[in-house]
Protein backbone atom coordinates (compact mmCIF):
# COMPACT_ATOMS: atom_id res chain seq x y z
CA UNK A 1 29.07 10.20 -25.05
CA UNK A 2 30.23 7.52 -23.67
CA UNK A 3 33.63 7.02 -22.10
CA UNK A 4 35.47 3.79 -20.64
CA UNK A 5 37.88 4.53 -17.22
CA UNK A 6 39.38 1.18 -16.90
CA UNK A 7 40.11 1.75 -13.29
CA UNK A 8 36.59 2.73 -12.60
CA UNK A 9 34.67 1.02 -15.18
CA UNK A 10 32.63 2.00 -18.06
CA UNK A 11 30.32 4.89 -17.91
CA UNK A 12 28.10 7.34 -19.61
CA UNK A 13 28.77 10.95 -19.31
CA UNK A 14 26.47 13.54 -21.45
CA UNK A 15 28.98 15.87 -23.17
CA UNK A 16 26.53 17.65 -26.06
CA UNK A 17 24.71 20.37 -25.29
CA UNK A 18 22.12 19.85 -27.77
CA UNK A 19 21.12 16.28 -26.62
CA UNK A 20 17.61 16.60 -26.07
CA UNK A 21 16.39 12.86 -25.70
CA UNK A 22 18.33 9.17 -24.53
CA UNK A 23 16.28 7.33 -26.92
CA UNK A 24 14.11 3.66 -26.58
CA UNK A 25 16.92 0.95 -25.77
CA UNK A 26 20.08 3.42 -25.72
CA UNK A 27 22.30 1.20 -23.44
CA UNK A 28 19.79 -1.60 -22.56
CA UNK A 29 21.89 -4.50 -21.90
CA UNK A 30 25.23 -2.50 -21.03
CA UNK A 31 25.75 -4.65 -18.01
CA UNK A 32 29.34 -3.20 -17.25
CA UNK A 33 28.06 0.19 -17.05
CA UNK A 34 28.82 1.68 -13.51
CA UNK A 35 28.03 4.97 -13.62
CA UNK A 36 25.75 7.63 -15.81
CA UNK A 37 26.99 11.31 -15.45
CA UNK A 38 24.68 14.22 -16.73
CA UNK A 39 26.79 17.37 -17.10
CA UNK A 40 25.78 20.51 -15.14
CA UNK A 41 27.29 23.17 -16.97
CA UNK A 42 24.98 25.88 -17.95
CA UNK A 43 23.63 24.49 -21.32
CA UNK A 44 24.13 21.01 -20.93
CA UNK A 45 21.78 19.10 -18.65
CA UNK A 46 19.12 21.74 -19.42
CA UNK A 47 18.58 20.43 -23.16
CA UNK A 48 17.56 16.52 -21.80
CA UNK A 49 14.27 16.39 -21.66
CA UNK A 50 13.55 12.60 -22.22
CA UNK A 51 14.77 9.59 -21.23
CA UNK A 52 13.04 6.95 -23.47
CA UNK A 53 11.52 3.06 -23.05
CA UNK A 54 14.44 0.76 -21.34
CA UNK A 55 17.18 3.78 -21.93
CA UNK A 56 18.96 1.39 -19.18
CA UNK A 57 17.33 -2.12 -18.30
CA UNK A 58 19.35 -4.63 -17.75
CA UNK A 59 22.38 -1.90 -17.00
CA UNK A 60 23.15 -4.80 -14.02
CA UNK A 61 26.67 -2.90 -12.68
CA UNK A 62 24.70 0.52 -12.55
CA UNK A 63 25.37 1.83 -8.96
CA UNK A 64 23.59 5.28 -8.99
CA UNK A 65 21.16 7.69 -11.09
CA UNK A 66 20.76 11.33 -10.11
CA UNK A 67 18.10 12.12 -12.95
CA UNK A 68 19.08 16.25 -14.52
CA UNK A 69 16.52 18.99 -13.30
CA UNK A 70 15.07 19.44 -16.82
CA UNK A 71 13.94 15.96 -17.61
CA UNK A 72 10.10 15.69 -17.68
CA UNK A 73 9.50 12.39 -18.89
CA UNK A 74 11.05 8.79 -18.80
CA UNK A 75 9.39 5.74 -20.16
CA UNK A 76 8.31 2.36 -19.43
CA UNK A 77 11.19 0.14 -17.55
CA UNK A 78 13.83 2.70 -18.04
CA UNK A 79 16.07 1.59 -15.19
CA UNK A 80 14.50 -2.07 -14.37
CA UNK A 81 16.70 -4.98 -13.76
CA UNK A 82 19.61 -2.52 -12.53
CA UNK A 83 20.36 -4.66 -9.68
CA UNK A 84 23.35 -2.90 -8.35
CA UNK A 85 21.83 1.00 -7.81
CA UNK A 86 21.90 1.48 -4.43
CA UNK A 87 20.84 5.34 -5.09
CA UNK A 88 17.98 6.79 -7.26
CA UNK A 89 17.90 10.69 -6.85
CA UNK A 90 14.52 12.07 -9.47
CA UNK A 91 13.96 15.84 -10.25
CA UNK A 92 11.00 17.95 -9.60
CA UNK A 93 10.14 18.50 -13.14
CA UNK A 94 8.73 15.07 -13.91
CA UNK A 95 5.22 14.44 -15.20
CA UNK A 96 5.59 11.29 -17.46
CA UNK A 97 7.02 8.82 -15.22
CA UNK A 98 6.96 4.61 -16.98
CA UNK A 99 5.47 1.87 -15.61
CA UNK A 100 7.95 -1.03 -14.26
CA UNK A 101 10.82 2.01 -14.06
CA UNK A 102 13.00 1.17 -11.52
CA UNK A 103 11.01 -2.96 -11.17
CA UNK A 104 14.16 -5.31 -9.48
CA UNK A 105 16.30 -2.19 -9.03
CA UNK A 106 19.04 -2.29 -6.50
CA UNK A 107 18.52 -6.66 -5.60
CA UNK A 108 22.03 -6.80 -5.57
CA UNK A 109 22.96 -3.73 -3.91
CA UNK A 110 23.34 -3.69 0.10
CA UNK A 111 20.46 -0.89 0.00
CA UNK A 112 18.43 0.73 -1.85
CA UNK A 113 17.74 4.45 -1.11
CA UNK A 114 14.85 6.76 -3.49
CA UNK A 115 14.96 10.63 -3.12
CA UNK A 116 11.60 11.99 -4.40
CA UNK A 117 11.45 16.33 -4.49
CA UNK A 118 8.93 18.29 -4.15
CA UNK A 119 6.57 18.65 -6.79
CA UNK A 120 5.98 14.70 -8.43
CA UNK A 121 2.43 14.21 -8.46
CA UNK A 122 2.14 11.06 -10.61
CA UNK A 123 4.36 7.63 -10.22
CA UNK A 124 3.73 5.21 -12.34
CA UNK A 125 2.45 1.28 -11.88
CA UNK A 126 4.79 -1.15 -10.33
CA UNK A 127 7.35 2.03 -9.86
CA UNK A 128 9.40 0.17 -7.21
CA UNK A 129 8.26 -3.06 -7.73
CA UNK A 130 10.33 -5.73 -5.87
CA UNK A 131 12.95 -3.76 -5.27
CA UNK A 132 13.52 -6.25 -2.04
CA UNK A 133 16.32 -4.01 -1.10
CA UNK A 134 14.53 -0.64 -0.98
CA UNK A 135 14.20 0.84 2.43
CA UNK A 136 14.77 4.17 2.67
CA UNK A 137 12.94 7.15 0.95
CA UNK A 138 13.49 10.64 0.93
CA UNK A 139 10.12 12.50 -0.09
CA UNK A 140 10.71 16.32 -0.09
CA UNK A 141 8.17 18.60 1.28
CA UNK A 142 5.67 20.63 -0.55
CA UNK A 143 3.51 23.76 0.76
CA UNK A 144 0.42 21.55 0.87
CA UNK A 145 1.88 18.37 2.98
CA UNK A 146 1.75 18.11 6.23
CA UNK A 147 4.96 18.28 8.48
CA UNK A 148 7.32 15.58 8.60
CA UNK A 149 7.44 13.01 11.33
CA UNK A 150 11.04 11.42 12.11
CA UNK A 151 11.53 7.95 11.18
CA UNK A 152 14.51 5.95 10.63
CA UNK A 153 16.02 5.10 7.33
CA UNK A 154 13.49 2.14 6.88
CA UNK A 155 10.51 4.94 6.22
CA UNK A 156 8.84 6.84 3.76
CA UNK A 157 8.47 10.18 5.23
CA UNK A 158 5.80 13.27 5.44
CA UNK A 159 2.73 13.82 3.28
CA UNK A 160 2.73 15.38 -0.05
CA UNK A 161 1.58 13.30 -3.50
CA UNK A 162 -1.73 14.97 -3.06
CA UNK A 163 -2.62 14.30 -6.28
CA UNK A 164 -1.55 10.30 -6.84
CA UNK A 165 -4.11 8.73 -8.14
CA UNK A 166 -2.65 5.40 -8.84
CA UNK A 167 -0.09 3.22 -6.79
CA UNK A 168 -0.80 -0.43 -8.13
CA UNK A 169 2.00 -2.47 -7.09
CA UNK A 170 3.82 0.80 -6.29
CA UNK A 171 5.70 -0.94 -3.24
CA UNK A 172 5.41 -4.52 -3.73
CA UNK A 173 8.03 -6.72 -2.53
CA UNK A 174 10.39 -4.13 -1.07
CA UNK A 175 11.60 -3.79 2.61
CA UNK A 176 10.09 -0.89 3.97
CA UNK A 177 9.07 -0.66 7.50
CA UNK A 178 6.92 2.42 7.67
CA UNK A 179 4.95 4.52 5.61
CA UNK A 180 3.74 8.25 7.30
CA UNK A 181 1.68 9.39 4.49
CA UNK A 182 -1.83 10.86 3.45
CA UNK A 183 -2.86 9.91 0.16
CA UNK A 184 -6.07 11.80 -0.28
CA UNK A 185 -6.54 11.70 -4.07
CA UNK A 186 -5.00 7.75 -4.16
CA UNK A 187 -8.28 5.96 -5.60
CA UNK A 188 -6.19 2.86 -6.75
CA UNK A 189 -4.03 1.15 -3.85
CA UNK A 190 -4.22 -2.53 -5.58
CA UNK A 191 -1.43 -4.44 -4.54
CA UNK A 192 0.52 -1.68 -3.23
CA UNK A 193 1.98 -3.03 -0.65
CA UNK A 194 1.50 -6.82 -1.18
CA UNK A 195 4.29 -9.07 0.18
CA UNK A 196 6.35 -6.20 2.09
CA UNK A 197 6.22 -8.39 5.17
CA UNK A 198 8.74 -5.93 7.06
CA UNK A 199 5.57 -3.27 6.78
CA UNK A 200 4.39 -2.71 10.62
CA UNK A 201 4.06 1.15 10.76
CA UNK A 202 1.85 2.69 8.89
CA UNK A 203 0.57 6.15 10.79
CA UNK A 204 1.84 6.17 14.12
CA UNK A 205 1.09 10.28 14.59
CA UNK A 206 -1.12 10.85 17.31
CA UNK A 207 -3.18 13.94 16.26
CA UNK A 208 -3.83 14.82 19.94
CA UNK A 209 -0.11 14.74 21.68
CA UNK A 210 1.50 15.48 18.78
CA UNK A 211 3.68 12.89 19.42
CA UNK A 212 4.13 9.00 18.10
CA UNK A 213 1.64 6.80 19.61
CA UNK A 214 3.96 3.94 19.57
CA UNK A 215 3.65 0.86 17.52
CA UNK A 216 0.12 0.16 18.42
CA UNK A 217 -1.68 2.61 16.00
CA UNK A 218 -0.63 1.96 12.53
CA UNK A 219 -3.04 4.28 10.76
CA UNK A 220 -4.25 7.50 12.20
CA UNK A 221 -7.61 7.60 12.94
CA UNK A 222 -9.85 10.72 12.11
CA UNK A 223 -7.65 12.20 9.97
CA UNK A 224 -7.72 12.28 6.16
CA UNK A 225 -5.85 9.45 4.60
CA UNK A 226 -7.33 6.98 1.74
CA UNK A 227 -10.80 8.98 1.67
CA UNK A 228 -10.38 8.55 -2.36
CA UNK A 229 -9.57 5.15 -2.24
CA UNK A 230 -12.17 2.68 -4.40
CA UNK A 231 -9.93 -0.33 -5.10
CA UNK A 232 -7.89 -1.47 -2.14
CA UNK A 233 -7.73 -5.20 -3.49
CA UNK A 234 -4.73 -6.76 -2.06
CA UNK A 235 -3.10 -3.63 -0.71
CA UNK A 236 -1.63 -4.54 2.38
CA UNK A 237 -1.61 -8.50 1.48
CA UNK A 238 0.70 -10.12 3.81
CA UNK A 239 2.39 -7.29 5.62
CA UNK A 240 3.11 -6.91 9.16
CA UNK A 241 0.61 -4.20 10.37
CA UNK A 242 -1.49 -4.64 13.32
CA UNK A 243 -4.21 -1.89 13.36
CA UNK A 244 -6.19 0.08 10.81
CA UNK A 245 -8.16 2.98 12.35
CA UNK A 246 -8.81 5.16 8.30
CA UNK A 247 -12.13 5.53 7.01
CA UNK A 248 -12.36 4.14 3.86
CA UNK A 249 -15.73 5.76 2.41
CA UNK A 250 -15.47 5.28 -1.33
CA UNK A 251 -13.91 2.12 -1.04
CA UNK A 252 -15.96 -0.75 -3.25
CA UNK A 253 -13.19 -3.30 -3.58
CA UNK A 254 -11.71 -5.29 -0.88
CA UNK A 255 -10.81 -8.25 -2.46
CA UNK A 256 -7.76 -9.72 -0.04
CA UNK A 257 -7.24 -6.59 1.19
CA UNK A 258 -5.73 -7.08 4.71
CA UNK A 259 -5.01 -11.10 3.24
CA UNK A 260 -2.65 -13.07 5.71
CA UNK A 261 -1.49 -9.50 8.12
CA UNK A 262 -1.01 -9.66 11.61
CA UNK A 263 -4.09 -6.86 11.98
CA UNK A 264 -5.12 -7.02 15.64
CA UNK A 265 -7.65 -4.22 15.52
CA UNK A 266 -10.17 -3.20 12.87
CA UNK A 267 -11.99 0.52 13.85
CA UNK A 268 -12.83 3.11 11.55
CA UNK A 269 -16.92 4.44 10.88
CA UNK A 270 -17.03 4.72 7.15
CA UNK A 271 -16.61 1.70 4.88
CA UNK A 272 -20.13 1.80 3.74
CA UNK A 273 -19.66 1.82 -0.14
CA UNK A 274 -18.11 -1.60 -0.07
CA UNK A 275 -19.64 -4.37 -1.96
CA UNK A 276 -17.05 -6.50 -2.60
CA UNK A 277 -15.03 -7.89 0.53
CA UNK A 278 -14.14 -11.64 -1.03
CA UNK A 279 -11.32 -12.85 1.82
CA UNK A 280 -11.02 -9.35 2.71
CA UNK A 281 -9.51 -10.38 6.27
CA UNK A 282 -8.69 -13.89 6.00
CA UNK A 283 -6.01 -15.45 7.46
CA UNK A 284 -5.83 -12.65 9.96
CA UNK A 285 -5.60 -14.81 12.88
CA UNK A 286 -4.18 -12.23 15.01
CA UNK A 287 -7.39 -9.73 14.40
CA UNK A 288 -9.65 -9.22 17.97
CA UNK A 289 -11.46 -6.11 17.79
CA UNK A 290 -13.73 -4.90 14.72
CA UNK A 291 -15.94 -1.66 14.59
CA UNK A 292 -16.94 -0.25 11.51
CA UNK A 293 -20.09 -0.10 9.18
CA UNK A 294 -20.32 -1.80 5.47
CA UNK A 295 -23.93 -0.75 5.02
CA UNK A 296 -23.80 -1.41 1.24
CA UNK A 297 -22.40 -5.01 1.92
CA UNK A 298 -24.28 -8.24 0.39
CA UNK A 299 -22.24 -10.91 0.40
CA UNK A 300 -19.65 -11.60 2.84
CA UNK A 301 -17.61 -13.51 0.76
CA UNK A 302 -15.69 -15.49 3.62
CA UNK A 303 -14.24 -12.22 4.68
CA UNK A 304 -13.03 -13.57 7.76
CA UNK A 305 -12.37 -17.25 7.12
CA UNK A 306 -9.72 -18.41 9.83
CA UNK A 307 -10.18 -14.88 12.17
CA UNK A 308 -10.81 -17.64 15.09
CA UNK A 309 -9.28 -15.31 17.66
CA UNK A 310 -11.85 -12.64 16.70
CA UNK A 311 -13.61 -11.84 20.37
CA UNK A 312 -15.29 -8.42 19.84
CA UNK A 313 -17.47 -7.15 16.65
CA UNK A 314 -19.45 -3.84 15.98
CA UNK A 315 -20.66 -3.21 12.62
CA UNK A 316 -23.71 -1.97 10.51
CA UNK A 317 -24.22 -4.70 8.19
CA UNK A 318 -27.56 -3.75 7.08
CA UNK A 319 -27.81 -4.94 3.77
CA UNK A 320 -26.42 -8.10 4.26
CA UNK A 321 -28.53 -10.99 2.78
CA UNK A 322 -26.65 -13.92 3.80
CA UNK A 323 -24.55 -15.21 6.47
CA UNK A 324 -24.24 -18.29 6.08
CA UNK A 325 -20.95 -19.72 8.19
CA UNK A 326 -20.04 -16.32 8.40
CA UNK A 327 -18.90 -16.88 11.92
CA UNK A 328 -18.94 -20.45 12.57
CA UNK A 329 -16.62 -21.80 15.10
CA UNK A 330 -15.23 -18.42 16.22
CA UNK A 331 -14.28 -19.64 19.67
CA UNK A 332 -13.40 -16.05 21.46
CA UNK A 333 -16.53 -14.47 19.85
CA UNK A 334 -17.66 -12.98 22.82
CA UNK A 335 -19.77 -9.95 21.76
CA UNK A 336 -22.04 -9.35 18.60
CA UNK A 337 -23.66 -5.60 17.65
CA UNK A 338 -24.98 -5.22 14.28
CA UNK A 339 -27.93 -4.21 11.91
CA UNK A 340 -28.62 -7.12 9.57
CA UNK A 341 -32.32 -6.42 8.81
CA UNK A 342 -31.74 -7.36 4.94
CA UNK A 343 -30.13 -10.73 6.35
CA UNK A 344 -32.38 -13.99 5.00
CA UNK A 345 -29.93 -17.02 5.38
CA UNK A 346 -28.47 -17.16 8.65
CA UNK A 347 -27.21 -21.01 8.21
CA UNK A 348 -24.92 -21.88 10.80
CA UNK A 349 -23.98 -18.00 11.24
CA UNK A 350 -22.51 -18.35 14.60
CA UNK A 351 -22.12 -22.03 14.83
CA UNK A 352 -19.91 -23.75 17.41
CA UNK A 353 -19.63 -19.75 19.04
CA UNK A 354 -19.24 -21.20 22.64
CA UNK A 355 -18.66 -17.74 24.57
CA UNK A 356 -21.05 -15.18 22.64
CA UNK A 357 -22.91 -13.94 25.43
CA UNK A 358 -23.47 -10.45 24.16
CA UNK A 359 -25.85 -10.18 21.17
CA UNK A 360 -27.43 -7.37 20.07
CA UNK A 361 -28.94 -7.05 15.92
CA UNK A 362 -32.34 -6.24 14.41
CA UNK A 363 -33.32 -9.12 12.14
CA UNK A 364 -36.20 -8.28 10.08
CA UNK A 365 -36.29 -10.25 7.25
CA UNK A 366 -34.53 -14.04 7.94
CA UNK A 367 -36.09 -16.90 6.50
CA UNK A 368 -33.12 -19.63 6.93
CA UNK A 369 -31.72 -19.89 10.42
CA UNK A 370 -30.38 -23.58 10.62
CA UNK A 371 -27.94 -23.89 13.38
CA UNK A 372 -27.94 -20.10 13.53
CA UNK A 373 -26.66 -20.38 16.85
CA UNK A 374 -26.14 -24.29 17.77
CA UNK A 375 -23.96 -24.89 20.46
CA UNK A 376 -23.77 -21.28 21.58
CA UNK A 377 -24.09 -22.53 25.29
CA UNK A 378 -23.16 -18.99 26.64
CA UNK A 379 -25.78 -17.29 25.13
CA UNK A 380 -28.81 -16.48 27.15
CA UNK A 381 -30.83 -14.05 25.19
CA UNK A 382 -30.88 -11.19 22.70
């Protein structure tokens, strides 16, 4: 039942006990609709189960939405382009959440706040894509989640959502600054935080002290987190994270994963299934320290292009076949330790690395080594 209140503007109010579905495009394009209310008396909101495809799409004036308790399914684009949304509250029984559900929502509001209750385990791809005012998240703890850590109102708090498998473009273009969570079931993280240039903290929790360790440690080392992640392409592209300490034991596609970030330290023990590292760290001009193991990587794909401040490199690259120009002109590189036992082409690999002094690598199969250490004037032996 829709009614108009001239003083407050148009609104939708559910007033029939028998309403089970708001059908496809039911209010799409109602550009003056300000509020949506669902009757909370017994027998009313319990009936509603489904909000259809594009049900409230392009309701540009809509300011808030609280999904009734028994709704289990929301269709694609249901609230996309609701430019003035400032408050979104989901319910725990949602099992089907459409793609692009809130895309571009809230971009004309002062800020956008999202509350997701305990029980939500699936999130549609592109769910908050380019919600440019999205700063505040409240995700209720489930029994299996770790304790929440305090954060400001630009923080997604707690772990939880342990069964989330895909987060494709989930927060791309938002304004979140911190993301405290483990996502051990996540397999698809492609573009998850792309263009979130405000994102600095991904996890600052210190497991030994149990306290926040400060902005220098963004992702917690040695904890479960991204253990199932297979596709991380562009996941942190153009964010402002400065360090990464998570193991990535299932990662195969790291294409542009940290492209143009402010990453200074990359330190973990296992990225051993990685096969595509094209541009993985390209443009990370502040990267100074690299510790890892990437034993399946055969081609480097210019993964360190423009990482000219890299100074220390410790990484198992036992399957790498070609290292041609891989570290060429890295004027700050002083230390290199690796297993390069499959390397056959090392043309110009360390050319003009003038301060490279510490080099220790297994080199069993090199066939082409033209200019491999050309102008490495500090190198005295290896």
